[in-house]
PDB file of N, CA and C in Angstrom:
ATOM      1  N   UNK A   1     113.320  27.248  -0.383  1.00  0.00           N
ATOM      2  CA  UNK A   1     114.986  27.679   0.280  1.00  0.00           C
ATOM      3  C   UNK A   1     114.418  29.223   1.246  1.00  0.00           C
ATOM      4  N   UNK A   2     115.416  29.209   2.382  1.00  0.00           N
ATOM      5  CA  UNK A   2     115.207  30.489   3.406  1.00  0.00           C
ATOM      6  C   UNK A   2     116.201  30.679   3.749  1.00  0.00           C
ATOM      7  N   UNK A   3     116.475  32.080   3.662  1.00  0.00           N
ATOM      8  CA  UNK A   3     117.769  32.516   3.706  1.00  0.00           C
ATOM      9  C   UNK A   3     119.024  32.882   2.385  1.00  0.00           C
ATOM     10  N   UNK A   4     120.306  33.035   2.957  1.00  0.00           N
ATOM     11  CA  UNK A   4     121.231  33.274   1.706  1.00  0.00           C
ATOM     12  C   UNK A   4     122.308  32.368   2.016  1.00  0.00           C
ATOM     13  N   UNK A   5     123.486  32.429   0.830  1.00  0.00           N
ATOM     14  CA  UNK A   5     124.613  31.561   1.157  1.00  0.00           C
ATOM     15  C   UNK A   5     125.263  32.637   1.918  1.00  0.00           C
ATOM     16  N   UNK A   6     126.622  31.935   2.594  1.00  0.00           N
ATOM     17  CA  UNK A   6     127.287  32.965   3.195  1.00  0.00           C
ATOM     18  C   UNK A   6     128.405  33.700   2.354  1.00  0.00           C
ATOM     19  N   UNK A   7     128.525  33.650   1.370  1.00  0.00           N
ATOM     20  CA  UNK A   7     129.388  34.371   0.355  1.00  0.00           C
ATOM     21  C   UNK A   7     128.470  34.963  -0.396  1.00  0.00           C
ATOM     22  N   UNK A   8     129.090  35.993  -1.067  1.00  0.00           N
ATOM     23  CA  UNK A   8     128.253  36.550  -2.001  1.00  0.00           C
ATOM     24  C   UNK A   8     128.741  36.316  -3.637  1.00  0.00           C
ATOM     25  N   UNK A   9     127.941  34.990  -3.557  1.00  0.00           N
ATOM     26  CA  UNK A   9     128.265  34.543  -5.040  1.00  0.00           C
ATOM     27  C   UNK A   9     127.019  34.450  -5.890  1.00  0.00           C
ATOM     28  N   UNK A  10     125.946  34.445  -4.830  1.00  0.00           N
ATOM     29  CA  UNK A  10     124.631  34.847  -5.930  1.00  0.00           C
ATOM     30  C   UNK A  10     123.904  33.139  -6.442  1.00  0.00           C
ATOM     31  N   UNK A  11     124.829  32.081  -5.712  1.00  0.00           N
ATOM     32  CA  UNK A  11     124.196  30.406  -6.360  1.00  0.00           C
ATOM     33  C   UNK A  11     122.715  30.621  -5.528  1.00  0.00           C
ATOM     34  N   UNK A  12     122.942  30.979  -3.960  1.00  0.00           N
ATOM     35  CA  UNK A  12     121.487  30.588  -3.942  1.00  0.00           C
ATOM     36  C   UNK A  12     120.507  31.806  -3.149  1.00  0.00           C
ATOM     37  N   UNK A  13     119.671  31.999  -3.355  1.00  0.00           N
ATOM     38  CA  UNK A  13     118.825  33.520  -3.086  1.00  0.00           C
ATOM     39  C   UNK A  13     117.248  32.867  -2.534  1.00  0.00           C
ATOM     40  N   UNK A  14     116.788  33.766  -1.773  1.00  0.00           N
ATOM     41  CA  UNK A  14     115.396  33.369  -1.239  1.00  0.00           C
ATOM     42  C   UNK A  14     114.398  33.730  -1.997  1.00  0.00           C
ATOM     43  N   UNK A  15     113.598  32.932  -2.085  1.00  0.00           N
ATOM     44  CA  UNK A  15     112.332  32.926  -2.896  1.00  0.00           C
ATOM     45  C   UNK A  15     112.560  31.881  -4.076  1.00  0.00           C
ATOM     46  N   UNK A  16     113.852  31.533  -4.029  1.00  0.00           N
ATOM     47  CA  UNK A  16     114.419  30.981  -5.650  1.00  0.00           C
ATOM     48  C   UNK A  16     114.033  29.455  -5.875  1.00  0.00           C
ATOM     49  N   UNK A  17     113.126  29.382  -6.845  1.00  0.00           N
ATOM     50  CA  UNK A  17     112.856  27.440  -6.816  1.00  0.00           C
ATOM     51  C   UNK A  17     113.384  27.005  -8.767  1.00  0.00           C
ATOM     52  N   UNK A  18     113.361  26.038  -8.576  1.00  0.00           N
ATOM     53  CA  UNK A  18     113.938  25.339  -9.644  1.00  0.00           C
ATOM     54  C   UNK A  18     112.833  24.309  -9.946  1.00  0.00           C
ATOM     55  N   UNK A  19     112.983  23.962 -11.542  1.00  0.00           N
ATOM     56  CA  UNK A  19     111.877  23.023 -12.065  1.00  0.00           C
ATOM     57  C   UNK A  19     112.605  22.320 -12.934  1.00  0.00           C
ATOM     58  N   UNK A  20     112.809  20.658 -13.002  1.00  0.00           N
ATOM     59  CA  UNK A  20     113.440  20.217 -13.522  1.00  0.00           C
ATOM     60  C   UNK A  20     112.603  18.925 -14.252  1.00  0.00           C
ATOM     61  N   UNK A  21     112.764  18.889 -15.648  1.00  0.00           N
ATOM     62  CA  UNK A  21     111.661  18.129 -16.479  1.00  0.00           C
ATOM     63  C   UNK A  21     112.905  16.949 -17.065  1.00  0.00           C
ATOM     64  N   UNK A  22     112.675  15.859 -17.140  1.00  0.00           N
ATOM     65  CA  UNK A  22     113.131  15.009 -18.346  1.00  0.00           C
ATOM     66  C   UNK A  22     112.880  13.348 -18.681  1.00  0.00           C
ATOM     67  N   UNK A  23     113.413  13.230 -20.026  1.00  0.00           N
ATOM     68  CA  UNK A  23     112.877  11.883 -20.418  1.00  0.00           C
ATOM     69  C   UNK A  23     114.177  11.138 -20.901  1.00  0.00           C
ATOM     70  N   UNK A  24     114.211   9.636 -20.875  1.00  0.00           N
ATOM     71  CA  UNK A  24     115.535   8.802 -21.456  1.00  0.00           C
ATOM     72  C   UNK A  24     114.777   7.912 -22.508  1.00  0.00           C
ATOM     73  N   UNK A  25     114.850   7.744 -23.686  1.00  0.00           N
ATOM     74  CA  UNK A  25     114.612   6.860 -24.448  1.00  0.00           C
ATOM     75  C   UNK A  25     115.614   5.863 -25.175  1.00  0.00           C
ATOM     76  N   UNK A  26     115.616   4.890 -24.534  1.00  0.00           N
ATOM     77  CA  UNK A  26     116.521   3.509 -24.712  1.00  0.00           C
ATOM     78  C   UNK A  26     116.267   3.124 -26.317  1.00  0.00           C
ATOM     79  N   UNK A  27     117.264   2.181 -26.871  1.00  0.00           N
ATOM     80  CA  UNK A  27     117.153   1.512 -27.835  1.00  0.00           C
ATOM     81  C   UNK A  27     118.051   0.593 -27.680  1.00  0.00           C
ATOM     82  N   UNK A  28     117.929  -1.193 -27.893  1.00  0.00           N
ATOM     83  CA  UNK A  28     118.657  -2.200 -27.806  1.00  0.00           C
ATOM     84  C   UNK A  28     119.771  -2.258 -26.546  1.00  0.00           C
ATOM     85  N   UNK A  29     119.239  -1.702 -25.473  1.00  0.00           N
ATOM     86  CA  UNK A  29     119.817  -1.820 -24.400  1.00  0.00           C
ATOM     87  C   UNK A  29     121.464  -1.034 -24.734  1.00  0.00           C
ATOM     88  N   UNK A  30     121.405  -0.714 -25.723  1.00  0.00           N
ATOM     89  CA  UNK A  30     122.928  -0.309 -25.883  1.00  0.00           C
ATOM     90  C   UNK A  30     122.735   1.368 -26.247  1.00  0.00           C
ATOM     91  N   UNK A  31     122.175   1.616 -26.499  1.00  0.00           N
ATOM     92  CA  UNK A  31     121.852   2.957 -26.983  1.00  0.00           C
ATOM     93  C   UNK A  31     121.127   4.236 -26.034  1.00  0.00           C
ATOM     94  N   UNK A  32     121.420   4.846 -25.496  1.00  0.00           N
ATOM     95  CA  UNK A  32     120.495   5.929 -25.048  1.00  0.00           C
ATOM     96  C   UNK A  32     120.024   7.771 -25.249  1.00  0.00           C
ATOM     97  N   UNK A  33     119.444   8.490 -25.018  1.00  0.00           N
ATOM     98  CA  UNK A  33     119.485   9.490 -25.683  1.00  0.00           C
ATOM     99  C   UNK A  33     118.488  10.472 -24.300  1.00  0.00           C
ATOM    100  N   UNK A  34     118.873  11.076 -23.730  1.00  0.00           N
ATOM    101  CA  UNK A  34     118.244  11.868 -21.963  1.00  0.00           C
ATOM    102  C   UNK A  34     118.382  13.112 -22.761  1.00  0.00           C
ATOM    103  N   UNK A  35     116.985  13.625 -22.513  1.00  0.00           N
ATOM    104  CA  UNK A  35     116.560  15.019 -22.890  1.00  0.00           C
ATOM    105  C   UNK A  35     116.590  15.593 -21.157  1.00  0.00           C
ATOM    106  N   UNK A  36     116.521  16.644 -21.272  1.00  0.00           N
ATOM    107  CA  UNK A  36     115.962  17.270 -19.886  1.00  0.00           C
ATOM    108  C   UNK A  36     116.478  18.508 -19.679  1.00  0.00           C
ATOM    109  N   UNK A  37     114.951  19.309 -19.086  1.00  0.00           N
ATOM    110  CA  UNK A  37     115.119  20.553 -19.061  1.00  0.00           C
ATOM    111  C   UNK A  37     114.927  21.467 -18.083  1.00  0.00           C
ATOM    112  N   UNK A  38     115.533  22.208 -17.394  1.00  0.00           N
ATOM    113  CA  UNK A  38     115.671  22.735 -16.171  1.00  0.00           C
ATOM    114  C   UNK A  38     115.374  24.181 -16.349  1.00  0.00           C
ATOM    115  N   UNK A  39     114.379  25.042 -15.376  1.00  0.00           N
ATOM    116  CA  UNK A  39     113.904  26.302 -15.500  1.00  0.00           C
ATOM    117  C   UNK A  39     114.048  27.057 -13.889  1.00  0.00           C
ATOM    118  N   UNK A  40     114.143  28.142 -13.946  1.00  0.00           N
ATOM    119  CA  UNK A  40     114.518  28.875 -12.631  1.00  0.00           C
ATOM    120  C   UNK A  40     113.016  29.281 -12.285  1.00  0.00           C
ATOM    121  N   UNK A  41     112.884  29.659 -11.215  1.00  0.00           N
ATOM    122  CA  UNK A  41     111.357  30.273 -10.779  1.00  0.00           C
ATOM    123  C   UNK A  41     111.963  31.500 -10.075  1.00  0.00           C
ATOM    124  N   UNK A  42     110.907  32.364  -9.541  1.00  0.00           N
ATOM    125  CA  UNK A  42     111.140  33.094  -8.551  1.00  0.00           C
ATOM    126  C   UNK A  42     111.937  34.113  -8.440  1.00  0.00           C
ATOM    127  N   UNK A  43     112.845  34.864  -7.377  1.00  0.00           N
ATOM    128  CA  UNK A  43     113.373  35.901  -7.181  1.00  0.00           C
ATOM    129  C   UNK A  43     114.337  35.265  -8.278  1.00  0.00           C
ATOM    130  N   UNK A  44     114.891  36.217  -9.408  1.00  0.00           N
ATOM    131  CA  UNK A  44     115.795  35.654 -10.245  1.00  0.00           C
ATOM    132  C   UNK A  44     117.578  35.813  -9.786  1.00  0.00           C
ATOM    133  N   UNK A  45     117.796  36.733  -8.749  1.00  0.00           N
ATOM    134  CA  UNK A  45     119.104  37.200  -8.028  1.00  0.00           C
ATOM    135  C   UNK A  45     120.284  37.031  -9.167  1.00  0.00           C
ATOM    136  N   UNK A  46     121.349  37.343  -9.101  1.00  0.00           N
ATOM    137  CA  UNK A  46     122.190  37.342  -9.919  1.00  0.00           C
ATOM    138  C   UNK A  46     122.344  37.147 -11.690  1.00  0.00           C
ATOM    139  N   UNK A  47     121.655  36.455 -11.539  1.00  0.00           N
ATOM    140  CA  UNK A  47     122.106  35.581 -12.838  1.00  0.00           C
ATOM    141  C   UNK A  47     120.373  35.528 -13.418  1.00  0.00           C
ATOM    142  N   UNK A  48     120.148  36.617 -14.229  1.00  0.00           N
ATOM    143  CA  UNK A  48     118.335  36.237 -14.747  1.00  0.00           C
ATOM    144  C   UNK A  48     118.193  34.973 -15.530  1.00  0.00           C
ATOM    145  N   UNK A  49     118.792  34.860 -16.695  1.00  0.00           N
ATOM    146  CA  UNK A  49     118.431  33.829 -17.343  1.00  0.00           C
ATOM    147  C   UNK A  49     119.435  32.262 -17.152  1.00  0.00           C
ATOM    148  N   UNK A  50     118.957  31.303 -16.398  1.00  0.00           N
ATOM    149  CA  UNK A  50     119.739  30.253 -16.481  1.00  0.00           C
ATOM    150  C   UNK A  50     118.917  28.741 -16.760  1.00  0.00           C
ATOM    151  N   UNK A  51     117.672  29.511 -17.505  1.00  0.00           N
ATOM    152  CA  UNK A  51     117.203  27.946 -17.821  1.00  0.00           C
ATOM    153  C   UNK A  51     117.811  27.163 -18.990  1.00  0.00           C
ATOM    154  N   UNK A  52     117.843  26.138 -19.147  1.00  0.00           N
ATOM    155  CA  UNK A  52     118.442  25.336 -20.563  1.00  0.00           C
ATOM    156  C   UNK A  52     118.186  23.896 -20.631  1.00  0.00           C
ATOM    157  N   UNK A  53     118.587  23.616 -21.440  1.00  0.00           N
ATOM    158  CA  UNK A  53     118.224  22.253 -21.966  1.00  0.00           C
ATOM    159  C   UNK A  53     119.417  21.427 -22.352  1.00  0.00           C
ATOM    160  N   UNK A  54     119.657  19.932 -21.896  1.00  0.00           N
ATOM    161  CA  UNK A  54     120.249  18.922 -22.151  1.00  0.00           C
ATOM    162  C   UNK A  54     120.368  17.945 -22.707  1.00  0.00           C
ATOM    163  N   UNK A  55     121.090  17.708 -23.740  1.00  0.00           N
ATOM    164  CA  UNK A  55     120.741  16.373 -24.495  1.00  0.00           C
ATOM    165  C   UNK A  55     122.161  15.554 -24.343  1.00  0.00           C
ATOM    166  N   UNK A  56     122.114  14.205 -23.481  1.00  0.00           N
ATOM    167  CA  UNK A  56     123.154  13.178 -23.644  1.00  0.00           C
ATOM    168  C   UNK A  56     122.573  12.144 -24.780  1.00  0.00           C
ATOM    169  N   UNK A  57     123.901  11.734 -24.938  1.00  0.00           N
ATOM    170  CA  UNK A  57     123.456  10.586 -25.908  1.00  0.00           C
ATOM    171  C   UNK A  57     124.551   9.105 -25.307  1.00  0.00           C
ATOM    172  N   UNK A  58     124.013   8.848 -25.159  1.00  0.00           N
ATOM    173  CA  UNK A  58     125.028   7.309 -24.542  1.00  0.00           C
ATOM    174  C   UNK A  58     125.288   5.979 -25.755  1.00  0.00           C
ATOM    175  N   UNK A  59     126.090   5.376 -25.352  1.00  0.00           N
ATOM    176  CA  UNK A  59     126.555   3.978 -26.201  1.00  0.00           C
ATOM    177  C   UNK A  59     127.253   3.155 -25.433  1.00  0.00           C
ATOM    178  N   UNK A  60     126.682   2.148 -25.360  1.00  0.00           N
ATOM    179  CA  UNK A  60     127.942   1.096 -24.449  1.00  0.00           C
ATOM    180  C   UNK A  60     128.062   0.018 -25.053  1.00  0.00           C
ATOM    181  N   UNK A  61     129.105  -0.463 -25.096  1.00  0.00           N
ATOM    182  CA  UNK A  61     129.600  -1.621 -25.891  1.00  0.00           C
ATOM    183  C   UNK A  61     130.547  -2.261 -24.979  1.00  0.00           C
TER     184      UNK A  61
END
């Protein structure tokens, strides 16, 4: 990322990076579990700690 956002929102900051790792577990083609980890690297900007873990359970019928 090079530059800054046009507004003072702090959403995008120069030298800021993100990394995302995810995996999906599927059972009998009707049930699945998605797990993902997002980490923010480089310049922190306005918010110092935005790392998060997401889990999504899906059931199709």
